[in-house]
Amino acid sequence: MRVLVKFFGGIRKIVGASEKEYELKEGARVSDILQILLQNFPEIEREQVLFALNHKYATLEDELKDGDEVAIFPPVNGG
């Protein structure tokens, strides 16, 4: 299955792209995306990040489906 991952803030700078598409096996979870990113960009581990799945906050345990969109972004502060 294919999943589109969008990057924001410091993560975008680390990855060097605003989005990338990943091919994953059925049953993959948000945590699988994070593991792929950590393997390729270990400096991401120093960043605090949140996840959204199809425009709703997500956890690492949320299961992905073909065509899903995952966003990875820093915590947002209000003021």
PDB file of N, CA and C in Angstrom:
ATOM      1  N   MET A   1       0.847  -1.175   0.000  1.00  0.00           N
ATOM      2  CA  MET A   1       0.000   0.000   0.000  1.00  0.00           C
ATOM      3  C   MET A   1       0.888   1.231   0.000  1.00  0.00           C
ATOM      4  N   ARG A   2       0.352   2.325  -0.503  1.00  0.00           N
ATOM      5  CA  ARG A   2       1.094   3.579  -0.561  1.00  0.00           C
ATOM      6  C   ARG A   2       0.504   4.587   0.426  1.00  0.00           C
ATOM      7  N   VAL A   3       1.405   5.285   1.119  1.00  0.00           N
ATOM      8  CA  VAL A   3       1.013   6.290   2.101  1.00  0.00           C
ATOM      9  C   VAL A   3       1.814   7.553   1.822  1.00  0.00           C
ATOM     10  N   LEU A   4       1.147   8.693   1.804  1.00  0.00           N
ATOM     11  CA  LEU A   4       1.806   9.981   1.614  1.00  0.00           C
ATOM     12  C   LEU A   4       2.135  10.557   2.986  1.00  0.00           C
ATOM     13  N   VAL A   5       3.399  10.927   3.186  1.00  0.00           N
ATOM     14  CA  VAL A   5       3.835  11.507   4.451  1.00  0.00           C
ATOM     15  C   VAL A   5       4.258  12.946   4.198  1.00  0.00           C
ATOM     16  N   LYS A   6       3.656  13.867   4.953  1.00  0.00           N
ATOM     17  CA  LYS A   6       3.979  15.289   4.834  1.00  0.00           C
ATOM     18  C   LYS A   6       4.778  15.718   6.057  1.00  0.00           C
ATOM     19  N   PHE A   7       5.785  16.555   5.809  1.00  0.00           N
ATOM     20  CA  PHE A   7       6.700  16.981   6.867  1.00  0.00           C
ATOM     21  C   PHE A   7       6.583  18.485   7.098  1.00  0.00           C
ATOM     22  N   PHE A   8       6.635  18.887   8.375  1.00  0.00           N
ATOM     23  CA  PHE A   8       6.519  20.296   8.737  1.00  0.00           C
ATOM     24  C   PHE A   8       7.600  20.670   9.737  1.00  0.00           C
ATOM     25  N   GLY A   9       7.904  21.959   9.815  1.00  0.00           N
ATOM     26  CA  GLY A   9       8.851  22.476  10.798  1.00  0.00           C
ATOM     27  C   GLY A   9      10.239  21.892  10.616  1.00  0.00           C
ATOM     28  N   GLY A  10      10.888  21.590  11.744  1.00  0.00           N
ATOM     29  CA  GLY A  10      12.250  21.069  11.729  1.00  0.00           C
ATOM     30  C   GLY A  10      12.376  19.739  11.014  1.00  0.00           C
ATOM     31  N   ILE A  11      11.322  18.948  11.032  1.00  0.00           N
ATOM     32  CA  ILE A  11      11.355  17.646  10.350  1.00  0.00           C
ATOM     33  C   ILE A  11      11.510  17.854   8.852  1.00  0.00           C
ATOM     34  N   ARG A  12      10.827  18.850   8.314  1.00  0.00           N
ATOM     35  CA  ARG A  12      10.927  19.145   6.878  1.00  0.00           C
ATOM     36  C   ARG A  12      12.380  19.467   6.518  1.00  0.00           C
ATOM     37  N   LYS A  13      13.051  20.238   7.379  1.00  0.00           N
ATOM     38  CA  LYS A  13      14.451  20.595   7.119  1.00  0.00           C
ATOM     39  C   LYS A  13      15.348  19.365   7.174  1.00  0.00           C
ATOM     40  N   ILE A  14      15.121  18.495   8.137  1.00  0.00           N
ATOM     41  CA  ILE A  14      15.940  17.290   8.275  1.00  0.00           C
ATOM     42  C   ILE A  14      15.763  16.372   7.068  1.00  0.00           C
ATOM     43  N   VAL A  15      14.515  16.160   6.666  1.00  0.00           N
ATOM     44  CA  VAL A  15      14.221  15.239   5.557  1.00  0.00           C
ATOM     45  C   VAL A  15      14.585  15.863   4.212  1.00  0.00           C
ATOM     46  N   GLY A  16      14.510  17.188   4.143  1.00  0.00           N
ATOM     47  CA  GLY A  16      14.843  17.874   2.896  1.00  0.00           C
ATOM     48  C   GLY A  16      13.733  17.831   1.866  1.00  0.00           C
ATOM     49  N   ALA A  17      12.513  17.631   2.340  1.00  0.00           N
ATOM     50  CA  ALA A  17      11.357  17.578   1.431  1.00  0.00           C
ATOM     51  C   ALA A  17      10.101  17.907   2.227  1.00  0.00           C
ATOM     52  N   SER A  18       9.093  18.386   1.545  1.00  0.00           N
ATOM     53  CA  SER A  18       7.825  18.677   2.217  1.00  0.00           C
ATOM     54  C   SER A  18       6.929  17.446   2.281  1.00  0.00           C
ATOM     55  N   GLU A  19       7.186  16.478   1.399  1.00  0.00           N
ATOM     56  CA  GLU A  19       6.402  15.236   1.431  1.00  0.00           C
ATOM     57  C   GLU A  19       7.139  14.134   0.686  1.00  0.00           C
ATOM     58  N   LYS A  20       6.820  12.908   1.069  1.00  0.00           N
ATOM     59  CA  LYS A  20       7.366  11.713   0.407  1.00  0.00           C
ATOM     60  C   LYS A  20       6.297  10.630   0.442  1.00  0.00           C
ATOM     61  N   GLU A  21       6.328   9.786  -0.559  1.00  0.00           N
ATOM     62  CA  GLU A  21       5.406   8.659  -0.587  1.00  0.00           C
ATOM     63  C   GLU A  21       6.181   7.393  -0.208  1.00  0.00           C
ATOM     64  N   TYR A  22       5.547   6.552   0.612  1.00  0.00           N
ATOM     65  CA  TYR A  22       6.176   5.312   1.065  1.00  0.00           C
ATOM     66  C   TYR A  22       5.296   4.127   0.710  1.00  0.00           C
ATOM     67  N   GLU A  23       5.939   3.052   0.344  1.00  0.00           N
ATOM     68  CA  GLU A  23       5.270   1.779   0.076  1.00  0.00           C
ATOM     69  C   GLU A  23       5.417   0.932   1.335  1.00  0.00           C
ATOM     70  N   LEU A  24       4.306   0.540   1.920  1.00  0.00           N
ATOM     71  CA  LEU A  24       4.312  -0.219   3.174  1.00  0.00           C
ATOM     72  C   LEU A  24       3.493  -1.490   3.018  1.00  0.00           C
ATOM     73  N   LYS A  25       3.758  -2.444   3.904  1.00  0.00           N
ATOM     74  CA  LYS A  25       2.976  -3.680   3.880  1.00  0.00           C
ATOM     75  C   LYS A  25       1.629  -3.451   4.576  1.00  0.00           C
ATOM     76  N   GLU A  26       0.648  -4.256   4.222  1.00  0.00           N
ATOM     77  CA  GLU A  26      -0.662  -4.171   4.855  1.00  0.00           C
ATOM     78  C   GLU A  26      -0.513  -4.352   6.361  1.00  0.00           C
ATOM     79  N   GLY A  27      -1.306  -3.620   7.123  1.00  0.00           N
ATOM     80  CA  GLY A  27      -1.246  -3.714   8.574  1.00  0.00           C
ATOM     81  C   GLY A  27      -0.209  -2.796   9.206  1.00  0.00           C
ATOM     82  N   ALA A  28       0.484  -2.005   8.378  1.00  0.00           N
ATOM     83  CA  ALA A  28       1.491  -1.084   8.914  1.00  0.00           C
ATOM     84  C   ALA A  28       0.819  -0.031   9.793  1.00  0.00           C
ATOM     85  N   ARG A  29       1.589   0.503  10.705  1.00  0.00           N
ATOM     86  CA  ARG A  29       1.106   1.515  11.651  1.00  0.00           C
ATOM     87  C   ARG A  29       1.944   2.783  11.523  1.00  0.00           C
ATOM     88  N   VAL A  30       1.490   3.834  12.158  1.00  0.00           N
ATOM     89  CA  VAL A  30       2.231   5.092  12.155  1.00  0.00           C
ATOM     90  C   VAL A  30       3.642   4.847  12.683  1.00  0.00           C
ATOM     91  N   SER A  31       3.794   3.967  13.646  1.00  0.00           N
ATOM     92  CA  SER A  31       5.122   3.664  14.204  1.00  0.00           C
ATOM     93  C   SER A  31       6.071   3.125  13.138  1.00  0.00           C
ATOM     94  N   ASP A  32       5.551   2.431  12.128  1.00  0.00           N
ATOM     95  CA  ASP A  32       6.401   1.919  11.052  1.00  0.00           C
ATOM     96  C   ASP A  32       6.982   3.066  10.226  1.00  0.00           C
ATOM     97  N   ILE A  33       6.187   4.099  10.010  1.00  0.00           N
ATOM     98  CA  ILE A  33       6.688   5.294   9.311  1.00  0.00           C
ATOM     99  C   ILE A  33       7.811   5.913  10.125  1.00  0.00           C
ATOM    100  N   LEU A  34       7.606   6.052  11.420  1.00  0.00           N
ATOM    101  CA  LEU A  34       8.626   6.656  12.278  1.00  0.00           C
ATOM    102  C   LEU A  34       9.911   5.831  12.229  1.00  0.00           C
ATOM    103  N   GLN A  35       9.817   4.521  12.259  1.00  0.00           N
ATOM    104  CA  GLN A  35      11.013   3.676  12.211  1.00  0.00           C
ATOM    105  C   GLN A  35      11.778   3.850  10.907  1.00  0.00           C
ATOM    106  N   ILE A  36      11.066   3.943   9.797  1.00  0.00           N
ATOM    107  CA  ILE A  36      11.713   4.175   8.495  1.00  0.00           C
ATOM    108  C   ILE A  36      12.450   5.512   8.519  1.00  0.00           C
ATOM    109  N   LEU A  37      11.798   6.522   9.056  1.00  0.00           N
ATOM    110  CA  LEU A  37      12.425   7.847   9.104  1.00  0.00           C
ATOM    111  C   LEU A  37      13.648   7.848  10.005  1.00  0.00           C
ATOM    112  N   LEU A  38      13.568   7.188  11.158  1.00  0.00           N
ATOM    113  CA  LEU A  38      14.709   7.147  12.079  1.00  0.00           C
ATOM    114  C   LEU A  38      15.897   6.393  11.473  1.00  0.00           C
ATOM    115  N   GLN A  39      15.622   5.384  10.667  1.00  0.00           N
ATOM    116  CA  GLN A  39      16.706   4.663  10.000  1.00  0.00           C
ATOM    117  C   GLN A  39      17.429   5.547   8.997  1.00  0.00           C
ATOM    118  N   ASN A  40      16.673   6.383   8.301  1.00  0.00           N
ATOM    119  CA  ASN A  40      17.243   7.238   7.259  1.00  0.00           C
ATOM    120  C   ASN A  40      17.702   8.602   7.771  1.00  0.00           C
ATOM    121  N   PHE A  41      17.078   9.073   8.834  1.00  0.00           N
ATOM    122  CA  PHE A  41      17.369  10.402   9.389  1.00  0.00           C
ATOM    123  C   PHE A  41      17.412  10.301  10.912  1.00  0.00           C
ATOM    124  N   PRO A  42      18.469   9.712  11.480  1.00  0.00           N
ATOM    125  CA  PRO A  42      18.511   9.477  12.932  1.00  0.00           C
ATOM    126  C   PRO A  42      18.390  10.745  13.772  1.00  0.00           C
ATOM    127  N   GLU A  43      18.719  11.890  13.211  1.00  0.00           N
ATOM    128  CA  GLU A  43      18.608  13.144  13.966  1.00  0.00           C
ATOM    129  C   GLU A  43      17.164  13.508  14.301  1.00  0.00           C
ATOM    130  N   ILE A  44      16.208  12.867  13.668  1.00  0.00           N
ATOM    131  CA  ILE A  44      14.796  13.096  13.994  1.00  0.00           C
ATOM    132  C   ILE A  44      14.518  12.716  15.445  1.00  0.00           C
ATOM    133  N   GLU A  45      15.291  11.786  15.985  1.00  0.00           N
ATOM    134  CA  GLU A  45      15.076  11.330  17.362  1.00  0.00           C
ATOM    135  C   GLU A  45      15.180  12.478  18.364  1.00  0.00           C
ATOM    136  N   ARG A  46      15.921  13.515  18.030  1.00  0.00           N
ATOM    137  CA  ARG A  46      16.077  14.669  18.921  1.00  0.00           C
ATOM    138  C   ARG A  46      14.884  15.615  18.877  1.00  0.00           C
ATOM    139  N   GLU A  47      14.013  15.445  17.923  1.00  0.00           N
ATOM    140  CA  GLU A  47      12.874  16.341  17.722  1.00  0.00           C
ATOM    141  C   GLU A  47      11.638  15.826  18.456  1.00  0.00           C
ATOM    142  N   GLN A  48      10.850  16.747  18.989  1.00  0.00           N
ATOM    143  CA  GLN A  48       9.526  16.389  19.500  1.00  0.00           C
ATOM    144  C   GLN A  48       8.562  16.488  18.329  1.00  0.00           C
ATOM    145  N   VAL A  49       7.785  15.444  18.118  1.00  0.00           N
ATOM    146  CA  VAL A  49       6.879  15.438  16.975  1.00  0.00           C
ATOM    147  C   VAL A  49       5.497  14.929  17.363  1.00  0.00           C
ATOM    148  N   LEU A  50       4.534  15.371  16.602  1.00  0.00           N
ATOM    149  CA  LEU A  50       3.157  14.881  16.678  1.00  0.00           C
ATOM    150  C   LEU A  50       2.811  14.307  15.315  1.00  0.00           C
ATOM    151  N   PHE A  51       1.765  13.494  15.292  1.00  0.00           N
ATOM    152  CA  PHE A  51       1.339  12.856  14.052  1.00  0.00           C
ATOM    153  C   PHE A  51      -0.139  13.134  13.811  1.00  0.00           C
ATOM    154  N   ALA A  52      -0.478  13.267  12.547  1.00  0.00           N
ATOM    155  CA  ALA A  52      -1.879  13.339  12.152  1.00  0.00           C
ATOM    156  C   ALA A  52      -2.091  12.307  11.052  1.00  0.00           C
ATOM    157  N   LEU A  53      -3.232  11.671  11.090  1.00  0.00           N
ATOM    158  CA  LEU A  53      -3.607  10.690  10.085  1.00  0.00           C
ATOM    159  C   LEU A  53      -4.890  11.178   9.443  1.00  0.00           C
ATOM    160  N   ASN A  54      -4.791  11.519   8.169  1.00  0.00           N
ATOM    161  CA  ASN A  54      -5.940  12.054   7.438  1.00  0.00           C
ATOM    162  C   ASN A  54      -6.563  13.248   8.174  1.00  0.00           C
ATOM    163  N   HIS A  55      -5.696  14.168   8.605  1.00  0.00           N
ATOM    164  CA  HIS A  55      -6.076  15.457   9.212  1.00  0.00           C
ATOM    165  C   HIS A  55      -6.639  15.342  10.625  1.00  0.00           C
ATOM    166  N   LYS A  56      -6.402  14.216  11.307  1.00  0.00           N
ATOM    167  CA  LYS A  56      -6.809  14.054  12.710  1.00  0.00           C
ATOM    168  C   LYS A  56      -5.602  13.573  13.492  1.00  0.00           C
ATOM    169  N   TYR A  57      -5.433  14.073  14.723  1.00  0.00           N
ATOM    170  CA  TYR A  57      -4.315  13.630  15.541  1.00  0.00           C
ATOM    171  C   TYR A  57      -4.263  12.112  15.586  1.00  0.00           C
ATOM    172  N   ALA A  58      -3.039  11.569  15.571  1.00  0.00           N
ATOM    173  CA  ALA A  58      -2.860  10.119  15.530  1.00  0.00           C
ATOM    174  C   ALA A  58      -1.850   9.684  16.584  1.00  0.00           C
ATOM    175  N   THR A  59      -1.901   8.406  16.902  1.00  0.00           N
ATOM    176  CA  THR A  59      -0.912   7.797  17.789  1.00  0.00           C
ATOM    177  C   THR A  59      -0.029   6.866  16.967  1.00  0.00           C
ATOM    178  N   LEU A  60       1.043   6.421  17.557  1.00  0.00           N
ATOM    179  CA  LEU A  60       1.948   5.508  16.866  1.00  0.00           C
ATOM    180  C   LEU A  60       1.286   4.172  16.557  1.00  0.00           C
ATOM    181  N   GLU A  61       0.230   3.839  17.279  1.00  0.00           N
ATOM    182  CA  GLU A  61      -0.440   2.547  17.090  1.00  0.00           C
ATOM    183  C   GLU A  61      -1.542   2.578  16.035  1.00  0.00           C
ATOM    184  N   ASP A  62      -1.870   3.739  15.500  1.00  0.00           N
ATOM    185  CA  ASP A  62      -2.925   3.810  14.490  1.00  0.00           C
ATOM    186  C   ASP A  62      -2.514   3.058  13.226  1.00  0.00           C
ATOM    187  N   GLU A  63      -3.424   2.227  12.735  1.00  0.00           N
ATOM    188  CA  GLU A  63      -3.159   1.427  11.541  1.00  0.00           C
ATOM    189  C   GLU A  63      -3.385   2.269  10.285  1.00  0.00           C
ATOM    190  N   LEU A  64      -2.540   2.037   9.297  1.00  0.00           N
ATOM    191  CA  LEU A  64      -2.606   2.779   8.038  1.00  0.00           C
ATOM    192  C   LEU A  64      -3.329   1.963   6.977  1.00  0.00           C
ATOM    193  N   LYS A  65      -3.925   2.700   6.045  1.00  0.00           N
ATOM    194  CA  LYS A  65      -4.595   2.077   4.907  1.00  0.00           C
ATOM    195  C   LYS A  65      -4.064   2.704   3.621  1.00  0.00           C
ATOM    196  N   ASP A  66      -4.222   2.001   2.530  1.00  0.00           N
ATOM    197  CA  ASP A  66      -3.761   2.503   1.239  1.00  0.00           C
ATOM    198  C   ASP A  66      -4.362   3.882   0.964  1.00  0.00           C
ATOM    199  N   GLY A  67      -3.509   4.821   0.572  1.00  0.00           N
ATOM    200  CA  GLY A  67      -3.966   6.161   0.234  1.00  0.00           C
ATOM    201  C   GLY A  67      -4.016   7.123   1.407  1.00  0.00           C
ATOM    202  N   ASP A  68      -3.671   6.664   2.613  1.00  0.00           N
ATOM    203  CA  ASP A  68      -3.697   7.544   3.779  1.00  0.00           C
ATOM    204  C   ASP A  68      -2.650   8.649   3.650  1.00  0.00           C
ATOM    205  N   GLU A  69      -2.894   9.728   4.391  1.00  0.00           N
ATOM    206  CA  GLU A  69      -1.955  10.835   4.483  1.00  0.00           C
ATOM    207  C   GLU A  69      -1.545  10.985   5.941  1.00  0.00           C
ATOM    208  N   VAL A  70      -0.242  10.929   6.187  1.00  0.00           N
ATOM    209  CA  VAL A  70       0.303  11.101   7.522  1.00  0.00           C
ATOM    210  C   VAL A  70       1.076  12.413   7.541  1.00  0.00           C
ATOM    211  N   ALA A  71       0.809  13.243   8.531  1.00  0.00           N
ATOM    212  CA  ALA A  71       1.561  14.481   8.705  1.00  0.00           C
ATOM    213  C   ALA A  71       2.399  14.355   9.965  1.00  0.00           C
ATOM    214  N   ILE A  72       3.643  14.840   9.891  1.00  0.00           N
ATOM    215  CA  ILE A  72       4.544  14.831  11.039  1.00  0.00           C
ATOM    216  C   ILE A  72       4.950  16.277  11.273  1.00  0.00           C
ATOM    217  N   PHE A  73       4.696  16.760  12.495  1.00  0.00           N
ATOM    218  CA  PHE A  73       4.907  18.180  12.765  1.00  0.00           C
ATOM    219  C   PHE A  73       5.314  18.395  14.219  1.00  0.00           C
ATOM    220  N   PRO A  74       5.937  19.549  14.508  1.00  0.00           N
ATOM    221  CA  PRO A  74       6.305  19.852  15.886  1.00  0.00           C
ATOM    222  C   PRO A  74       5.078  20.244  16.706  1.00  0.00           C
ATOM    223  N   PRO A  75       5.174  20.134  18.035  1.00  0.00           N
ATOM    224  CA  PRO A  75       4.063  20.614  18.867  1.00  0.00           C
ATOM    225  C   PRO A  75       3.800  22.095  18.591  1.00  0.00           C
ATOM    226  N   VAL A  76       2.539  22.459  18.642  1.00  0.00           N
ATOM    227  CA  VAL A  76       2.133  23.833  18.354  1.00  0.00           C
ATOM    228  C   VAL A  76       1.786  24.522  19.671  1.00  0.00           C
ATOM    229  N   ASN A  77       2.344  25.709  19.884  1.00  0.00           N
ATOM    230  CA  ASN A  77       2.052  26.480  21.084  1.00  0.00           C
ATOM    231  C   ASN A  77       1.079  27.597  20.754  1.00  0.00           C
ATOM    232  N   GLY A  78       0.102  27.772  21.613  1.00  0.00           N
ATOM    233  CA  GLY A  78      -0.845  28.873  21.432  1.00  0.00           C
ATOM    234  C   GLY A  78      -0.385  30.072  22.246  1.00  0.00           C
ATOM    235  N   GLY A  79      -1.056  31.181  22.033  1.00  0.00           N
ATOM    236  CA  GLY A  79      -0.606  32.326  22.794  1.00  0.00           C
ATOM    237  C   GLY A  79      -1.576  33.398  22.917  1.00  0.00           C
TER     238      GLY A  79
END
